[in-house]
PDB file of N, CA and C in Angstrom:
ATOM      1  N   ALA A   1      63.428  71.569 143.412  1.00  0.00           N
ATOM      2  CA  ALA A   1      64.410  70.612 142.941  1.00  0.00           C
ATOM      3  C   ALA A   1      65.737  71.326 142.744  1.00  0.00           C
ATOM      4  N   GLU A   2      65.691  72.544 142.202  1.00  0.00           N
ATOM      5  CA  GLU A   2      66.938  73.270 141.888  1.00  0.00           C
ATOM      6  C   GLU A   2      67.756  73.512 143.163  1.00  0.00           C
ATOM      7  N   ALA A   3      67.052  73.824 144.273  1.00  0.00           N
ATOM      8  CA  ALA A   3      67.787  74.119 145.536  1.00  0.00           C
ATOM      9  C   ALA A   3      68.465  72.845 146.066  1.00  0.00           C
ATOM     10  N   VAL A   4      67.764  71.738 145.945  1.00  0.00           N
ATOM     11  CA  VAL A   4      68.376  70.447 146.394  1.00  0.00           C
ATOM     12  C   VAL A   4      69.600  70.115 145.534  1.00  0.00           C
ATOM     13  N   ALA A   5      69.497  70.198 144.219  1.00  0.00           N
ATOM     14  CA  ALA A   5      70.599  69.915 143.333  1.00  0.00           C
ATOM     15  C   ALA A   5      71.752  70.804 143.574  1.00  0.00           C
ATOM     16  N   ALA A   6      71.463  72.093 143.791  1.00  0.00           N
ATOM     17  CA  ALA A   6      72.562  73.028 143.997  1.00  0.00           C
ATOM     18  C   ALA A   6      73.244  72.801 145.337  1.00  0.00           C
ATOM     19  N   THR A   7      72.493  72.496 146.357  1.00  0.00           N
ATOM     20  CA  THR A   7      73.067  72.185 147.662  1.00  0.00           C
ATOM     21  C   THR A   7      73.970  70.887 147.564  1.00  0.00           C
ATOM     22  N   LEU A   8      73.445  69.896 146.895  1.00  0.00           N
ATOM     23  CA  LEU A   8      74.241  68.657 146.742  1.00  0.00           C
ATOM     24  C   LEU A   8      75.498  68.932 145.930  1.00  0.00           C
ATOM     25  N   ALA A   9      75.430  69.747 144.913  1.00  0.00           N
ATOM     26  CA  ALA A   9      76.617  70.097 144.149  1.00  0.00           C
ATOM     27  C   ALA A   9      77.622  70.839 145.048  1.00  0.00           C
ATOM     28  N   GLY A  10      77.125  71.670 145.978  1.00  0.00           N
ATOM     29  CA  GLY A  10      77.983  72.335 146.946  1.00  0.00           C
ATOM     30  C   GLY A  10      78.711  71.342 147.855  1.00  0.00           C
ATOM     31  N   TYR A  11      78.085  70.198 148.040  1.00  0.00           N
ATOM     32  CA  TYR A  11      78.727  69.144 148.855  1.00  0.00           C
ATOM     33  C   TYR A  11      79.637  68.269 148.021  1.00  0.00           C
ATOM     34  N   GLY A  12      79.787  68.581 146.778  1.00  0.00           N
ATOM     35  CA  GLY A  12      80.653  67.770 145.881  1.00  0.00           C
ATOM     36  C   GLY A  12      80.001  66.599 145.262  1.00  0.00           C
ATOM     37  N   LEU A  13      78.629  66.488 145.374  1.00  0.00           N
ATOM     38  CA  LEU A  13      77.941  65.379 144.747  1.00  0.00           C
ATOM     39  C   LEU A  13      77.319  65.836 143.376  1.00  0.00           C
ATOM     40  N   ARG A  14      77.415  64.905 142.412  1.00  0.00           N
ATOM     41  CA  ARG A  14      76.912  65.231 141.053  1.00  0.00           C
ATOM     42  C   ARG A  14      75.416  65.024 141.000  1.00  0.00           C
ATOM     43  N   ALA A  15      74.660  66.068 140.881  1.00  0.00           N
ATOM     44  CA  ALA A  15      73.232  66.017 140.828  1.00  0.00           C
ATOM     45  C   ALA A  15      72.724  67.112 139.874  1.00  0.00           C
ATOM     46  N   GLU A  16      71.634  66.762 139.204  1.00  0.00           N
ATOM     47  CA  GLU A  16      71.013  67.746 138.292  1.00  0.00           C
ATOM     48  C   GLU A  16      69.497  67.539 138.319  1.00  0.00           C
ATOM     49  N   VAL A  17      68.786  68.583 137.924  1.00  0.00           N
ATOM     50  CA  VAL A  17      67.335  68.505 137.889  1.00  0.00           C
ATOM     51  C   VAL A  17      66.967  67.994 136.480  1.00  0.00           C
ATOM     52  N   VAL A  18      66.068  67.017 136.491  1.00  0.00           N
ATOM     53  CA  VAL A  18      65.538  66.429 135.188  1.00  0.00           C
ATOM     54  C   VAL A  18      64.054  66.423 135.226  1.00  0.00           C
ATOM     55  N   GLU A  19      63.412  66.413 134.065  1.00  0.00           N
ATOM     56  CA  GLU A  19      61.972  66.194 133.944  1.00  0.00           C
ATOM     57  C   GLU A  19      61.648  64.789 134.302  1.00  0.00           C
ATOM     58  N   SER A  20      60.505  64.549 134.906  1.00  0.00           N
ATOM     59  CA  SER A  20      60.111  63.286 135.333  1.00  0.00           C
ATOM     60  C   SER A  20      58.602  63.116 135.178  1.00  0.00           C
ATOM     61  N   GLU A  21      58.176  61.896 135.328  1.00  0.00           N
ATOM     62  CA  GLU A  21      56.752  61.603 135.429  1.00  0.00           C
ATOM     63  C   GLU A  21      56.509  60.888 136.741  1.00  0.00           C
ATOM     64  N   ALA A  22      55.609  61.348 137.541  1.00  0.00           N
ATOM     65  CA  ALA A  22      55.232  60.739 138.797  1.00  0.00           C
ATOM     66  C   ALA A  22      53.966  59.996 138.627  1.00  0.00           C
ATOM     67  N   THR A  23      53.737  58.976 139.469  1.00  0.00           N
ATOM     68  CA  THR A  23      52.489  58.230 139.361  1.00  0.00           C
ATOM     69  C   THR A  23      51.546  58.791 140.429  1.00  0.00           C
ATOM     70  N   VAL A  24      50.279  58.755 140.116  1.00  0.00           N
ATOM     71  CA  VAL A  24      49.261  59.286 141.004  1.00  0.00           C
ATOM     72  C   VAL A  24      49.112  58.307 142.124  1.00  0.00           C
ATOM     73  N   GLY A  25      49.099  57.045 141.873  1.00  0.00           N
ATOM     74  CA  GLY A  25      48.937  56.052 142.914  1.00  0.00           C
ATOM     75  C   GLY A  25      47.717  55.165 142.567  1.00  0.00           C
ATOM     76  N   GLY A  26      47.150  54.581 143.578  1.00  0.00           N
ATOM     77  CA  GLY A  26      46.084  53.605 143.417  1.00  0.00           C
ATOM     78  C   GLY A  26      44.690  54.304 143.222  1.00  0.00           C
ATOM     79  N   GLY A  27      43.723  53.632 143.686  1.00  0.00           N
ATOM     80  CA  GLY A  27      42.350  54.167 143.604  1.00  0.00           C
ATOM     81  C   GLY A  27      41.874  54.163 142.167  1.00  0.00           C
ATOM     82  N   ALA A  28      41.207  55.225 141.771  1.00  0.00           N
ATOM     83  CA  ALA A  28      40.589  55.290 140.466  1.00  0.00           C
ATOM     84  C   ALA A  28      41.645  55.505 139.331  1.00  0.00           C
ATOM     85  N   PHE A  29      42.833  55.921 139.619  1.00  0.00           N
ATOM     86  CA  PHE A  29      43.855  56.234 138.645  1.00  0.00           C
ATOM     87  C   PHE A  29      45.187  55.497 138.870  1.00  0.00           C
ATOM     88  N   PRO A  30      45.193  54.170 138.999  1.00  0.00           N
ATOM     89  CA  PRO A  30      46.416  53.444 139.337  1.00  0.00           C
ATOM     90  C   PRO A  30      47.579  53.561 138.346  1.00  0.00           C
ATOM     91  N   THR A  31      47.279  53.878 137.063  1.00  0.00           N
ATOM     92  CA  THR A  31      48.262  54.015 136.081  1.00  0.00           C
ATOM     93  C   THR A  31      48.522  55.459 135.570  1.00  0.00           C
ATOM     94  N   ALA A  32      47.800  56.396 136.170  1.00  0.00           N
ATOM     95  CA  ALA A  32      47.891  57.746 135.733  1.00  0.00           C
ATOM     96  C   ALA A  32      49.281  58.342 136.051  1.00  0.00           C
ATOM     97  N   ARG A  33      49.764  59.186 135.160  1.00  0.00           N
ATOM     98  CA  ARG A  33      51.073  59.809 135.382  1.00  0.00           C
ATOM     99  C   ARG A  33      50.893  61.348 135.245  1.00  0.00           C
ATOM    100  N   ILE A  34      51.691  62.078 136.018  1.00  0.00           N
ATOM    101  CA  ILE A  34      51.674  63.521 135.934  1.00  0.00           C
ATOM    102  C   ILE A  34      53.063  64.021 135.737  1.00  0.00           C
ATOM    103  N   PRO A  35      53.216  65.169 135.104  1.00  0.00           N
ATOM    104  CA  PRO A  35      54.593  65.742 134.916  1.00  0.00           C
ATOM    105  C   PRO A  35      55.147  66.120 136.255  1.00  0.00           C
ATOM    106  N   SER A  36      56.454  65.913 136.447  1.00  0.00           N
ATOM    107  CA  SER A  36      57.136  66.264 137.690  1.00  0.00           C
ATOM    108  C   SER A  36      58.539  66.655 137.377  1.00  0.00           C
ATOM    109  N   SER A  37      59.347  66.889 138.416  1.00  0.00           N
ATOM    110  CA  SER A  37      60.763  67.108 138.269  1.00  0.00           C
ATOM    111  C   SER A  37      61.425  66.228 139.346  1.00  0.00           C
ATOM    112  N   ALA A  38      62.683  65.836 139.038  1.00  0.00           N
ATOM    113  CA  ALA A  38      63.412  64.996 139.983  1.00  0.00           C
ATOM    114  C   ALA A  38      64.840  65.483 140.019  1.00  0.00           C
ATOM    115  N   VAL A  39      65.518  65.091 141.118  1.00  0.00           N
ATOM    116  CA  VAL A  39      66.913  65.332 141.278  1.00  0.00           C
ATOM    117  C   VAL A  39      67.613  64.003 140.837  1.00  0.00           C
ATOM    118  N   ALA A  40      68.442  64.031 139.803  1.00  0.00           N
ATOM    119  CA  ALA A  40      69.100  62.854 139.361  1.00  0.00           C
ATOM    120  C   ALA A  40      70.518  62.802 139.979  1.00  0.00           C
ATOM    121  N   LEU A  41      70.858  61.706 140.569  1.00  0.00           N
ATOM    122  CA  LEU A  41      72.141  61.499 141.260  1.00  0.00           C
ATOM    123  C   LEU A  41      73.050  60.660 140.357  1.00  0.00           C
ATOM    124  N   ASP A  42      74.201  61.095 140.029  1.00  0.00           N
ATOM    125  CA  ASP A  42      75.144  60.310 139.253  1.00  0.00           C
ATOM    126  C   ASP A  42      75.885  59.302 140.156  1.00  0.00           C
ATOM    127  N   GLY A  43      76.441  58.288 139.525  1.00  0.00           N
ATOM    128  CA  GLY A  43      77.233  57.294 140.243  1.00  0.00           C
ATOM    129  C   GLY A  43      76.609  55.928 140.051  1.00  0.00           C
ATOM    130  N   ASP A  44      77.100  55.014 140.782  1.00  0.00           N
ATOM    131  CA  ASP A  44      76.575  53.641 140.781  1.00  0.00           C
ATOM    132  C   ASP A  44      75.155  53.659 141.299  1.00  0.00           C
ATOM    133  N   ALA A  45      74.129  53.518 140.453  1.00  0.00           N
ATOM    134  CA  ALA A  45      72.743  53.688 140.855  1.00  0.00           C
ATOM    135  C   ALA A  45      72.304  52.651 141.882  1.00  0.00           C
ATOM    136  N   VAL A  46      72.688  51.407 141.741  1.00  0.00           N
ATOM    137  CA  VAL A  46      72.269  50.386 142.675  1.00  0.00           C
ATOM    138  C   VAL A  46      72.802  50.672 144.066  1.00  0.00           C
ATOM    139  N   ALA A  47      74.137  51.003 144.074  1.00  0.00           N
ATOM    140  CA  ALA A  47      74.761  51.226 145.396  1.00  0.00           C
ATOM    141  C   ALA A  47      74.211  52.473 146.023  1.00  0.00           C
ATOM    142  N   THR A  48      74.018  53.558 145.222  1.00  0.00           N
ATOM    143  CA  THR A  48      73.423  54.788 145.722  1.00  0.00           C
ATOM    144  C   THR A  48      72.087  54.567 146.284  1.00  0.00           C
ATOM    145  N   GLU A  49      71.231  53.868 145.528  1.00  0.00           N
ATOM    146  CA  GLU A  49      69.882  53.641 146.084  1.00  0.00           C
ATOM    147  C   GLU A  49      69.924  52.866 147.363  1.00  0.00           C
ATOM    148  N   ALA A  50      70.744  51.848 147.474  1.00  0.00           N
ATOM    149  CA  ALA A  50      70.877  51.086 148.677  1.00  0.00           C
ATOM    150  C   ALA A  50      71.348  51.886 149.854  1.00  0.00           C
ATOM    151  N   ARG A  51      72.320  52.819 149.680  1.00  0.00           N
ATOM    152  CA  ARG A  51      72.790  53.646 150.706  1.00  0.00           C
ATOM    153  C   ARG A  51      71.732  54.617 151.198  1.00  0.00           C
ATOM    154  N   LEU A  52      70.946  55.185 150.266  1.00  0.00           N
ATOM    155  CA  LEU A  52      69.899  56.145 150.594  1.00  0.00           C
ATOM    156  C   LEU A  52      68.816  55.415 151.431  1.00  0.00           C
ATOM    157  N   ARG A  53      68.459  54.219 151.028  1.00  0.00           N
ATOM    158  CA  ARG A  53      67.427  53.469 151.801  1.00  0.00           C
ATOM    159  C   ARG A  53      67.890  53.009 153.167  1.00  0.00           C
ATOM    160  N   ALA A  54      69.176  52.855 153.333  1.00  0.00           N
ATOM    161  CA  ALA A  54      69.752  52.377 154.598  1.00  0.00           C
ATOM    162  C   ALA A  54      69.960  53.473 155.645  1.00  0.00           C
ATOM    163  N   GLY A  55      69.716  54.715 155.299  1.00  0.00           N
ATOM    164  CA  GLY A  55      69.957  55.815 156.222  1.00  0.00           C
ATOM    165  C   GLY A  55      69.003  55.746 157.462  1.00  0.00           C
ATOM    166  N   ALA A  56      69.420  56.477 158.479  1.00  0.00           N
ATOM    167  CA  ALA A  56      68.592  56.519 159.685  1.00  0.00           C
ATOM    168  C   ALA A  56      67.182  56.973 159.344  1.00  0.00           C
ATOM    169  N   ILE A  57      67.092  57.907 158.409  1.00  0.00           N
ATOM    170  CA  ILE A  57      65.823  58.312 157.843  1.00  0.00           C
ATOM    171  C   ILE A  57      65.954  57.989 156.357  1.00  0.00           C
ATOM    172  N   PRO A  58      65.305  56.866 155.878  1.00  0.00           N
ATOM    173  CA  PRO A  58      65.522  56.459 154.479  1.00  0.00           C
ATOM    174  C   PRO A  58      65.037  57.485 153.488  1.00  0.00           C
ATOM    175  N   VAL A  59      65.799  57.587 152.396  1.00  0.00           N
ATOM    176  CA  VAL A  59      65.393  58.425 151.247  1.00  0.00           C
ATOM    177  C   VAL A  59      65.086  57.417 150.146  1.00  0.00           C
ATOM    178  N   ILE A  60      63.844  57.487 149.606  1.00  0.00           N
ATOM    179  CA  ILE A  60      63.368  56.537 148.658  1.00  0.00           C
ATOM    180  C   ILE A  60      63.336  57.237 147.283  1.00  0.00           C
ATOM    181  N   GLY A  61      64.087  56.622 146.316  1.00  0.00           N
ATOM    182  CA  GLY A  61      64.059  57.126 144.947  1.00  0.00           C
ATOM    183  C   GLY A  61      63.813  55.973 144.062  1.00  0.00           C
ATOM    184  N   ARG A  62      64.062  56.156 142.780  1.00  0.00           N
ATOM    185  CA  ARG A  62      63.931  55.098 141.787  1.00  0.00           C
ATOM    186  C   ARG A  62      65.081  55.170 140.767  1.00  0.00           C
ATOM    187  N   ILE A  63      65.416  54.072 140.195  1.00  0.00           N
ATOM    188  CA  ILE A  63      66.487  54.044 139.213  1.00  0.00           C
ATOM    189  C   ILE A  63      65.871  54.153 137.833  1.00  0.00           C
ATOM    190  N   ALA A  64      66.438  55.104 137.051  1.00  0.00           N
ATOM    191  CA  ALA A  64      66.031  55.248 135.648  1.00  0.00           C
ATOM    192  C   ALA A  64      67.215  55.770 134.845  1.00  0.00           C
ATOM    193  N   ASP A  65      67.460  55.167 133.708  1.00  0.00           N
ATOM    194  CA  ASP A  65      68.565  55.572 132.839  1.00  0.00           C
ATOM    195  C   ASP A  65      69.891  55.539 133.578  1.00  0.00           C
ATOM    196  N   GLY A  66      70.078  54.572 134.487  1.00  0.00           N
ATOM    197  CA  GLY A  66      71.323  54.415 135.173  1.00  0.00           C
ATOM    198  C   GLY A  66      71.646  55.407 136.286  1.00  0.00           C
ATOM    199  N   ARG A  67      70.582  56.138 136.708  1.00  0.00           N
ATOM    200  CA  ARG A  67      70.761  57.075 137.761  1.00  0.00           C
ATOM    201  C   ARG A  67      69.631  56.957 138.775  1.00  0.00           C
ATOM    202  N   VAL A  68      69.900  57.385 139.959  1.00  0.00           N
ATOM    203  CA  VAL A  68      68.857  57.410 141.021  1.00  0.00           C
ATOM    204  C   VAL A  68      68.094  58.769 140.821  1.00  0.00           C
ATOM    205  N   LEU A  69      66.812  58.684 140.751  1.00  0.00           N
ATOM    206  CA  LEU A  69      65.963  59.852 140.641  1.00  0.00           C
ATOM    207  C   LEU A  69      65.158  60.029 141.944  1.00  0.00           C
ATOM    208  N   LEU A  70      65.284  61.231 142.484  1.00  0.00           N
ATOM    209  CA  LEU A  70      64.499  61.611 143.689  1.00  0.00           C
ATOM    210  C   LEU A  70      63.361  62.541 143.184  1.00  0.00           C
ATOM    211  N   ASP A  71      62.228  61.990 143.035  1.00  0.00           N
ATOM    212  CA  ASP A  71      61.060  62.765 142.499  1.00  0.00           C
ATOM    213  C   ASP A  71      60.640  63.793 143.549  1.00  0.00           C
ATOM    214  N   MET A  72      60.434  64.993 143.086  1.00  0.00           N
ATOM    215  CA  MET A  72      60.136  66.069 144.070  1.00  0.00           C
ATOM    216  C   MET A  72      58.631  66.339 144.146  1.00  0.00           C
ATOM    217  N   ARG A  73      57.785  65.530 143.530  1.00  0.00           N
ATOM    218  CA  ARG A  73      56.350  65.806 143.523  1.00  0.00           C
ATOM    219  C   ARG A  73      55.755  66.009 144.912  1.00  0.00           C
ATOM    220  N   SER A  74      56.175  65.226 145.874  1.00  0.00           N
ATOM    221  CA  SER A  74      55.559  65.319 147.154  1.00  0.00           C
ATOM    222  C   SER A  74      56.449  66.072 148.205  1.00  0.00           C
ATOM    223  N   MET A  75      57.457  66.724 147.728  1.00  0.00           N
ATOM    224  CA  MET A  75      58.320  67.498 148.637  1.00  0.00           C
ATOM    225  C   MET A  75      57.899  68.940 148.738  1.00  0.00           C
ATOM    226  N   LEU A  76      57.941  69.514 149.977  1.00  0.00           N
ATOM    227  CA  LEU A  76      57.694  70.912 150.157  1.00  0.00           C
ATOM    228  C   LEU A  76      59.053  71.667 150.103  1.00  0.00           C
ATOM    229  N   GLU A  77      58.978  72.851 149.647  1.00  0.00           N
ATOM    230  CA  GLU A  77      60.232  73.653 149.605  1.00  0.00           C
ATOM    231  C   GLU A  77      60.918  73.693 150.952  1.00  0.00           C
ATOM    232  N   SER A  78      60.113  73.776 151.969  1.00  0.00           N
ATOM    233  CA  SER A  78      60.713  73.839 153.360  1.00  0.00           C
ATOM    234  C   SER A  78      61.493  72.572 153.735  1.00  0.00           C
ATOM    235  N   GLU A  79      61.320  71.510 152.968  1.00  0.00           N
ATOM    236  CA  GLU A  79      62.040  70.249 153.197  1.00  0.00           C
ATOM    237  C   GLU A  79      63.291  70.060 152.384  1.00  0.00           C
ATOM    238  N   ASP A  80      63.610  71.030 151.554  1.00  0.00           N
ATOM    239  CA  ASP A  80      64.769  70.900 150.615  1.00  0.00           C
ATOM    240  C   ASP A  80      66.090  70.693 151.390  1.00  0.00           C
ATOM    241  N   ALA A  81      66.297  71.532 152.382  1.00  0.00           N
ATOM    242  CA  ALA A  81      67.613  71.409 153.116  1.00  0.00           C
ATOM    243  C   ALA A  81      67.727  70.060 153.857  1.00  0.00           C
ATOM    244  N   THR A  82      66.604  69.622 154.402  1.00  0.00           N
ATOM    245  CA  THR A  82      66.600  68.338 155.126  1.00  0.00           C
ATOM    246  C   THR A  82      66.937  67.197 154.117  1.00  0.00           C
ATOM    247  N   LEU A  83      66.272  67.220 152.957  1.00  0.00           N
ATOM    248  CA  LEU A  83      66.547  66.188 151.985  1.00  0.00           C
ATOM    249  C   LEU A  83      67.989  66.163 151.533  1.00  0.00           C
ATOM    250  N   ALA A  84      68.537  67.352 151.237  1.00  0.00           N
ATOM    251  CA  ALA A  84      69.885  67.424 150.821  1.00  0.00           C
ATOM    252  C   ALA A  84      70.876  66.910 151.883  1.00  0.00           C
ATOM    253  N   THR A  85      70.573  67.223 153.184  1.00  0.00           N
ATOM    254  CA  THR A  85      71.381  66.732 154.273  1.00  0.00           C
ATOM    255  C   THR A  85      71.333  65.234 154.382  1.00  0.00           C
ATOM    256  N   LEU A  86      70.172  64.650 154.256  1.00  0.00           N
ATOM    257  CA  LEU A  86      69.944  63.201 154.370  1.00  0.00           C
ATOM    258  C   LEU A  86      70.719  62.497 153.237  1.00  0.00           C
ATOM    259  N   VAL A  87      70.664  63.037 152.037  1.00  0.00           N
ATOM    260  CA  VAL A  87      71.399  62.489 150.907  1.00  0.00           C
ATOM    261  C   VAL A  87      72.914  62.594 151.131  1.00  0.00           C
ATOM    262  N   ARG A  88      73.347  63.716 151.562  1.00  0.00           N
ATOM    263  CA  ARG A  88      74.833  63.918 151.816  1.00  0.00           C
ATOM    264  C   ARG A  88      75.300  62.901 152.853  1.00  0.00           C
ATOM    265  N   VAL A  89      74.606  62.800 153.957  1.00  0.00           N
ATOM    266  CA  VAL A  89      74.984  61.856 155.052  1.00  0.00           C
ATOM    267  C   VAL A  89      75.031  60.434 154.529  1.00  0.00           C
ATOM    268  N   ALA A  90      73.975  60.006 153.808  1.00  0.00           N
ATOM    269  CA  ALA A  90      73.880  58.671 153.307  1.00  0.00           C
ATOM    270  C   ALA A  90      75.014  58.352 152.313  1.00  0.00           C
ATOM    271  N   LEU A  91      75.410  59.283 151.521  1.00  0.00           N
ATOM    272  CA  LEU A  91      76.461  59.040 150.509  1.00  0.00           C
ATOM    273  C   LEU A  91      77.865  59.450 150.885  1.00  0.00           C
ATOM    274  N   SER A  92      78.008  59.909 152.125  1.00  0.00           N
ATOM    275  CA  SER A  92      79.361  60.302 152.641  1.00  0.00           C
ATOM    276  C   SER A  92      80.111  59.097 153.203  1.00  0.00           C
TER     277      SER A  92
END
């Protein structure tokens, strides 16, 4: 998460790493939550989320506390640069 936030900051976007809770999903634990981290994007959350979803490769986040959160639970470190590029392109 730190690498994504730092790269986005280098692009002039306001982003920071925050603690988050991710959901496990369906099956036997549909309401279970696990600690995670997320990249929080500042700005108009509704517009930011819409632009991220509309990209050629959509980036799916969630809105919390007035910011878009990109939960990093399912991201590999090798995907950090790609994610940062997709966010930059969508928000440029």
